[in-house]
């Protein structure tokens, strides 16, 4: 997953436009929030499932661990750019950067670049939701029968991370405006 995410970063930076580079930087922030939530989710699952690490032995955990499942979903949303996540704004900015660098070129060139980006986003979204399904939904596993939700000591920091990511989706200008102002000067 990180390889595809770094591809989006490279796409944004390679435009050498304020929008594209800002998109890459915002995507880095979205990726950081998303991955932090997902790694924390892995820790919660390992702790609450008494050391179980195999996704194939999980399944049906959402009813027993609804907060953990919701936080994992928010983590995947940040990485894939599904609202309400910061990843959406990063993808919008990267597309803006790509569109400004393709001005004067054929429409086919822009459509091809956009298609590659959208295919990558689609594949990322597909594997994210497949992972969610395997862990939290479907037939309850033996592990799900014994599972219980973690306490606030584990979930509290994850809730704060998720809230920060969603707040930056709602108020993206807090992050984007200073980046764009700096990049317009740097990229003259």
C-alpha atoms as a PDB file:
ATOM      1  CA  UNK A   1       0.000   0.000   0.000  1.00  0.00           C
ATOM      2  CA  UNK A   2       2.788   2.441   0.804  1.00  0.00           C
ATOM      3  CA  UNK A   3       4.301   1.899  -2.646  1.00  0.00           C
ATOM      4  CA  UNK A   4       1.139   3.104  -4.385  1.00  0.00           C
ATOM      5  CA  UNK A   5       0.890   6.025  -1.966  1.00  0.00           C
ATOM      6  CA  UNK A   6       4.448   7.073  -2.784  1.00  0.00           C
ATOM      7  CA  UNK A   7       3.460   6.964  -6.452  1.00  0.00           C
ATOM      8  CA  UNK A   8       0.851   9.647  -5.762  1.00  0.00           C
ATOM      9  CA  UNK A   9       3.491  11.705  -3.953  1.00  0.00           C
ATOM     10  CA  UNK A  10       5.807  11.390  -6.939  1.00  0.00           C
ATOM     11  CA  UNK A  11       3.009  12.357  -9.322  1.00  0.00           C
ATOM     12  CA  UNK A  12       2.355  15.518  -7.323  1.00  0.00           C
ATOM     13  CA  UNK A  13       5.989  16.531  -6.899  1.00  0.00           C
ATOM     14  CA  UNK A  14       6.796  15.843 -10.557  1.00  0.00           C
ATOM     15  CA  UNK A  15       4.338  18.521 -11.673  1.00  0.00           C
ATOM     16  CA  UNK A  16       6.558  21.198 -10.085  1.00  0.00           C
ATOM     17  CA  UNK A  17       3.433  23.265  -9.500  1.00  0.00           C
ATOM     18  CA  UNK A  18       2.250  24.699  -6.199  1.00  0.00           C
ATOM     19  CA  UNK A  19      -0.944  22.623  -6.372  1.00  0.00           C
ATOM     20  CA  UNK A  20       0.831  19.379  -7.266  1.00  0.00           C
ATOM     21  CA  UNK A  21       3.583  19.698  -4.664  1.00  0.00           C
ATOM     22  CA  UNK A  22       1.081  20.841  -2.012  1.00  0.00           C
ATOM     23  CA  UNK A  23      -1.028  17.818  -2.951  1.00  0.00           C
ATOM     24  CA  UNK A  24       1.976  15.564  -2.407  1.00  0.00           C
ATOM     25  CA  UNK A  25       2.646  17.142   0.990  1.00  0.00           C
ATOM     26  CA  UNK A  26      -0.998  16.891   2.035  1.00  0.00           C
ATOM     27  CA  UNK A  27      -1.029  13.292   0.803  1.00  0.00           C
ATOM     28  CA  UNK A  28       1.988  12.607   2.991  1.00  0.00           C
ATOM     29  CA  UNK A  29       0.040  13.972   5.984  1.00  0.00           C
ATOM     30  CA  UNK A  30      -3.048  11.920   5.059  1.00  0.00           C
ATOM     31  CA  UNK A  31      -0.870   8.835   4.636  1.00  0.00           C
ATOM     32  CA  UNK A  32       0.723   9.454   8.040  1.00  0.00           C
ATOM     33  CA  UNK A  33      -2.675   9.727   9.757  1.00  0.00           C
ATOM     34  CA  UNK A  34      -4.052   6.707   7.903  1.00  0.00           C
ATOM     35  CA  UNK A  35      -1.037   4.476   8.496  1.00  0.00           C
ATOM     36  CA  UNK A  36      -0.793   5.510  12.147  1.00  0.00           C
ATOM     37  CA  UNK A  37      -4.430   4.496  12.625  1.00  0.00           C
ATOM     38  CA  UNK A  38      -3.897   1.204  10.818  1.00  0.00           C
ATOM     39  CA  UNK A  39      -0.745   0.295  12.741  1.00  0.00           C
ATOM     40  CA  UNK A  40      -2.510   1.199  15.989  1.00  0.00           C
ATOM     41  CA  UNK A  41      -5.439  -0.974  14.868  1.00  0.00           C
ATOM     42  CA  UNK A  42      -3.020  -3.853  14.312  1.00  0.00           C
ATOM     43  CA  UNK A  43      -1.697  -3.348  17.836  1.00  0.00           C
ATOM     44  CA  UNK A  44      -5.199  -3.319  19.290  1.00  0.00           C
ATOM     45  CA  UNK A  45      -6.124  -6.483  17.388  1.00  0.00           C
ATOM     46  CA  UNK A  46      -2.976  -8.315  18.487  1.00  0.00           C
ATOM     47  CA  UNK A  47      -3.556  -7.237  22.091  1.00  0.00           C
ATOM     48  CA  UNK A  48      -7.268  -7.987  22.201  1.00  0.00           C
ATOM     49  CA  UNK A  49      -6.954 -11.269  20.286  1.00  0.00           C
ATOM     50  CA  UNK A  50      -4.168 -12.502  22.593  1.00  0.00           C
ATOM     51  CA  UNK A  51      -1.328 -12.410  20.079  1.00  0.00           C
ATOM     52  CA  UNK A  52      -3.235 -13.497  16.968  1.00  0.00           C
ATOM     53  CA  UNK A  53      -1.596 -11.893  13.918  1.00  0.00           C
ATOM     54  CA  UNK A  54      -3.071 -13.835  11.018  1.00  0.00           C
ATOM     55  CA  UNK A  55      -5.777 -11.960   9.097  1.00  0.00           C
ATOM     56  CA  UNK A  56      -7.025 -15.278   7.710  1.00  0.00           C
ATOM     57  CA  UNK A  57      -7.952 -16.330  11.266  1.00  0.00           C
ATOM     58  CA  UNK A  58      -9.894 -13.125  11.884  1.00  0.00           C
ATOM     59  CA  UNK A  59     -13.343 -12.243  10.648  1.00  0.00           C
ATOM     60  CA  UNK A  60     -16.601 -10.972  12.041  1.00  0.00           C
ATOM     61  CA  UNK A  61     -14.904  -8.707  14.588  1.00  0.00           C
ATOM     62  CA  UNK A  62     -16.973  -5.552  13.934  1.00  0.00           C
ATOM     63  CA  UNK A  63     -19.877  -6.480  16.249  1.00  0.00           C
ATOM     64  CA  UNK A  64     -17.455  -7.171  19.122  1.00  0.00           C
ATOM     65  CA  UNK A  65     -15.051  -4.306  18.337  1.00  0.00           C
ATOM     66  CA  UNK A  66     -17.127  -1.542  16.681  1.00  0.00           C
ATOM     67  CA  UNK A  67     -14.884   1.352  17.723  1.00  0.00           C
ATOM     68  CA  UNK A  68     -11.758  -0.411  16.490  1.00  0.00           C
ATOM     69  CA  UNK A  69     -13.510  -1.268  13.216  1.00  0.00           C
ATOM     70  CA  UNK A  70     -14.635   2.346  12.767  1.00  0.00           C
ATOM     71  CA  UNK A  71     -11.133   3.671  13.413  1.00  0.00           C
ATOM     72  CA  UNK A  72      -9.634   1.178  10.951  1.00  0.00           C
ATOM     73  CA  UNK A  73     -12.180   2.309   8.375  1.00  0.00           C
ATOM     74  CA  UNK A  74     -11.190   5.943   8.934  1.00  0.00           C
ATOM     75  CA  UNK A  75      -7.528   4.941   8.506  1.00  0.00           C
ATOM     76  CA  UNK A  76      -8.271   3.248   5.192  1.00  0.00           C
ATOM     77  CA  UNK A  77     -10.364   6.247   4.102  1.00  0.00           C
ATOM     78  CA  UNK A  78      -7.428   8.603   4.697  1.00  0.00           C
ATOM     79  CA  UNK A  79      -5.155   6.443   2.586  1.00  0.00           C
ATOM     80  CA  UNK A  80      -7.640   5.975  -0.246  1.00  0.00           C
ATOM     81  CA  UNK A  81      -8.957   9.551  -0.270  1.00  0.00           C
ATOM     82  CA  UNK A  82     -12.583   8.776   0.490  1.00  0.00           C
ATOM     83  CA  UNK A  83     -14.446  11.611   2.269  1.00  0.00           C
ATOM     84  CA  UNK A  84     -14.360  12.629   5.063  1.00  0.00           C
ATOM     85  CA  UNK A  85     -10.606  12.217   4.834  1.00  0.00           C
ATOM     86  CA  UNK A  86      -7.656  14.455   4.176  1.00  0.00           C
ATOM     87  CA  UNK A  87      -6.638  12.137   1.342  1.00  0.00           C
ATOM     88  CA  UNK A  88      -9.453  13.538  -0.814  1.00  0.00           C
ATOM     89  CA  UNK A  89      -7.930  17.025  -0.799  1.00  0.00           C
ATOM     90  CA  UNK A  90      -4.481  15.670  -1.603  1.00  0.00           C
ATOM     91  CA  UNK A  91      -5.827  13.843  -4.636  1.00  0.00           C
ATOM     92  CA  UNK A  92      -7.726  16.943  -5.789  1.00  0.00           C
ATOM     93  CA  UNK A  93      -4.553  19.038  -5.522  1.00  0.00           C
ATOM     94  CA  UNK A  94      -2.465  16.447  -7.369  1.00  0.00           C
ATOM     95  CA  UNK A  95      -5.028  16.343 -10.194  1.00  0.00           C
ATOM     96  CA  UNK A  96      -4.974  20.163 -10.294  1.00  0.00           C
ATOM     97  CA  UNK A  97      -1.188  20.050 -10.583  1.00  0.00           C
ATOM     98  CA  UNK A  98      -1.338  17.463 -13.355  1.00  0.00           C
ATOM     99  CA  UNK A  99      -3.989  19.427 -15.244  1.00  0.00           C
ATOM    100  CA  UNK A 100      -1.926  22.620 -15.111  1.00  0.00           C
ATOM    101  CA  UNK A 101       1.153  20.844 -16.503  1.00  0.00           C
ATOM    102  CA  UNK A 102      -0.786  19.312 -19.368  1.00  0.00           C
ATOM    103  CA  UNK A 103      -2.105  22.675 -20.588  1.00  0.00           C
ATOM    104  CA  UNK A 104      -1.264  23.008 -24.260  1.00  0.00           C
ATOM    105  CA  UNK A 105      -0.814  19.277 -24.674  1.00  0.00           C
ATOM    106  CA  UNK A 106      -3.383  16.954 -26.114  1.00  0.00           C
ATOM    107  CA  UNK A 107      -6.461  16.053 -24.153  1.00  0.00           C
ATOM    108  CA  UNK A 108      -5.464  12.413 -24.576  1.00  0.00           C
ATOM    109  CA  UNK A 109      -2.271  13.054 -22.568  1.00  0.00           C
ATOM    110  CA  UNK A 110      -4.243  14.473 -19.644  1.00  0.00           C
ATOM    111  CA  UNK A 111      -6.852  11.717 -19.818  1.00  0.00           C
ATOM    112  CA  UNK A 112      -4.107   9.051 -19.834  1.00  0.00           C
ATOM    113  CA  UNK A 113      -2.409  10.544 -16.760  1.00  0.00           C
ATOM    114  CA  UNK A 114      -5.725  10.904 -14.987  1.00  0.00           C
ATOM    115  CA  UNK A 115      -6.685   7.320 -15.880  1.00  0.00           C
ATOM    116  CA  UNK A 116      -3.454   5.963 -14.374  1.00  0.00           C
ATOM    117  CA  UNK A 117      -4.079   7.959 -11.196  1.00  0.00           C
ATOM    118  CA  UNK A 118      -7.707   6.807 -10.959  1.00  0.00           C
ATOM    119  CA  UNK A 119      -6.767   3.161 -11.554  1.00  0.00           C
ATOM    120  CA  UNK A 120      -4.250   3.401  -8.721  1.00  0.00           C
ATOM    121  CA  UNK A 121      -6.841   4.968  -6.431  1.00  0.00           C
ATOM    122  CA  UNK A 122      -9.356   2.284  -7.396  1.00  0.00           C
ATOM    123  CA  UNK A 123      -6.922  -0.546  -6.676  1.00  0.00           C
ATOM    124  CA  UNK A 124      -5.947   1.006  -3.331  1.00  0.00           C
ATOM    125  CA  UNK A 125      -9.607   1.319  -2.396  1.00  0.00           C
ATOM    126  CA  UNK A 126     -10.322  -2.272  -3.427  1.00  0.00           C
ATOM    127  CA  UNK A 127      -7.558  -3.818  -1.338  1.00  0.00           C
ATOM    128  CA  UNK A 128      -8.389  -1.559   1.623  1.00  0.00           C
ATOM    129  CA  UNK A 129     -11.995  -2.666   1.707  1.00  0.00           C
ATOM    130  CA  UNK A 130     -11.084  -6.293   1.081  1.00  0.00           C
ATOM    131  CA  UNK A 131      -8.847  -6.129   4.149  1.00  0.00           C
ATOM    132  CA  UNK A 132     -11.650  -4.492   6.178  1.00  0.00           C
ATOM    133  CA  UNK A 133     -14.028  -7.230   5.085  1.00  0.00           C
ATOM    134  CA  UNK A 134     -11.625 -10.041   5.968  1.00  0.00           C
ATOM    135  CA  UNK A 135     -10.929  -8.689   9.457  1.00  0.00           C
ATOM    136  CA  UNK A 136     -14.166  -7.111  10.621  1.00  0.00           C
ATOM    137  CA  UNK A 137     -17.003  -8.596   8.573  1.00  0.00           C
ATOM    138  CA  UNK A 138     -18.082 -11.909   7.135  1.00  0.00           C
ATOM    139  CA  UNK A 139     -18.358 -15.159   9.018  1.00  0.00           C
ATOM    140  CA  UNK A 140     -17.361 -14.676  12.671  1.00  0.00           C
ATOM    141  CA  UNK A 141     -14.142 -16.519  13.394  1.00  0.00           C
ATOM    142  CA  UNK A 142     -13.179 -18.393  16.520  1.00  0.00           C
ATOM    143  CA  UNK A 143     -11.182 -15.304  17.521  1.00  0.00           C
ATOM    144  CA  UNK A 144     -14.279 -13.104  17.140  1.00  0.00           C
ATOM    145  CA  UNK A 145     -16.183 -15.173  19.676  1.00  0.00           C
ATOM    146  CA  UNK A 146     -13.632 -14.307  22.379  1.00  0.00           C
ATOM    147  CA  UNK A 147     -12.933 -10.731  21.247  1.00  0.00           C
ATOM    148  CA  UNK A 148     -13.840  -7.645  23.223  1.00  0.00           C
ATOM    149  CA  UNK A 149     -13.355  -3.953  22.553  1.00  0.00           C
ATOM    150  CA  UNK A 150     -10.153  -2.368  23.838  1.00  0.00           C
ATOM    151  CA  UNK A 151     -10.203   0.260  26.565  1.00  0.00           C
ATOM    152  CA  UNK A 152      -9.705   3.982  26.140  1.00  0.00           C
ATOM    153  CA  UNK A 153      -6.013   3.620  26.965  1.00  0.00           C
ATOM    154  CA  UNK A 154      -5.562   2.018  23.549  1.00  0.00           C
ATOM    155  CA  UNK A 155      -8.435   3.633  21.656  1.00  0.00           C
ATOM    156  CA  UNK A 156      -8.072   7.201  22.979  1.00  0.00           C
ATOM    157  CA  UNK A 157      -4.978   8.142  20.954  1.00  0.00           C
ATOM    158  CA  UNK A 158      -6.532   6.566  17.874  1.00  0.00           C
ATOM    159  CA  UNK A 159      -9.695   8.626  18.340  1.00  0.00           C
ATOM    160  CA  UNK A 160      -7.576  11.792  18.571  1.00  0.00           C
ATOM    161  CA  UNK A 161      -5.702  10.871  15.351  1.00  0.00           C
ATOM    162  CA  UNK A 162      -8.967  10.176  13.543  1.00  0.00           C
ATOM    163  CA  UNK A 163     -10.456  13.457  14.787  1.00  0.00           C
ATOM    164  CA  UNK A 164      -7.430  15.449  13.609  1.00  0.00           C
ATOM    165  CA  UNK A 165      -7.641  13.852  10.165  1.00  0.00           C
ATOM    166  CA  UNK A 166     -11.373  14.543   9.866  1.00  0.00           C
ATOM    167  CA  UNK A 167     -10.908  18.118  11.146  1.00  0.00           C
ATOM    168  CA  UNK A 168      -8.323  18.706   8.411  1.00  0.00           C
ATOM    169  CA  UNK A 169     -10.846  17.393   5.878  1.00  0.00           C
ATOM    170  CA  UNK A 170     -13.430  19.886   7.150  1.00  0.00           C
ATOM    171  CA  UNK A 171     -10.947  22.780   7.401  1.00  0.00           C
ATOM    172  CA  UNK A 172      -8.303  21.894   4.794  1.00  0.00           C
ATOM    173  CA  UNK A 173      -7.240  25.495   4.378  1.00  0.00           C
ATOM    174  CA  UNK A 174      -5.488  25.323   7.759  1.00  0.00           C
ATOM    175  CA  UNK A 175      -2.939  23.078   6.071  1.00  0.00           C
ATOM    176  CA  UNK A 176      -3.252  23.906   2.378  1.00  0.00           C
ATOM    177  CA  UNK A 177      -3.141  27.730   2.422  1.00  0.00           C
ATOM    178  CA  UNK A 178       0.260  28.022   4.156  1.00  0.00           C
ATOM    179  CA  UNK A 179       1.671  25.289   1.913  1.00  0.00           C
ATOM    180  CA  UNK A 180       0.409  26.946  -1.268  1.00  0.00           C
ATOM    181  CA  UNK A 181       1.725  30.368  -0.203  1.00  0.00           C
ATOM    182  CA  UNK A 182       5.190  28.967   0.500  1.00  0.00           C
ATOM    183  CA  UNK A 183       5.277  26.842  -2.640  1.00  0.00           C
ATOM    184  CA  UNK A 184       4.256  29.731  -4.904  1.00  0.00           C
ATOM    185  CA  UNK A 185       7.361  31.566  -3.688  1.00  0.00           C
ATOM    186  CA  UNK A 186       9.665  28.539  -3.871  1.00  0.00           C
ATOM    187  CA  UNK A 187       8.522  27.397  -7.321  1.00  0.00           C
ATOM    188  CA  UNK A 188       8.789  30.741  -9.119  1.00  0.00           C
END
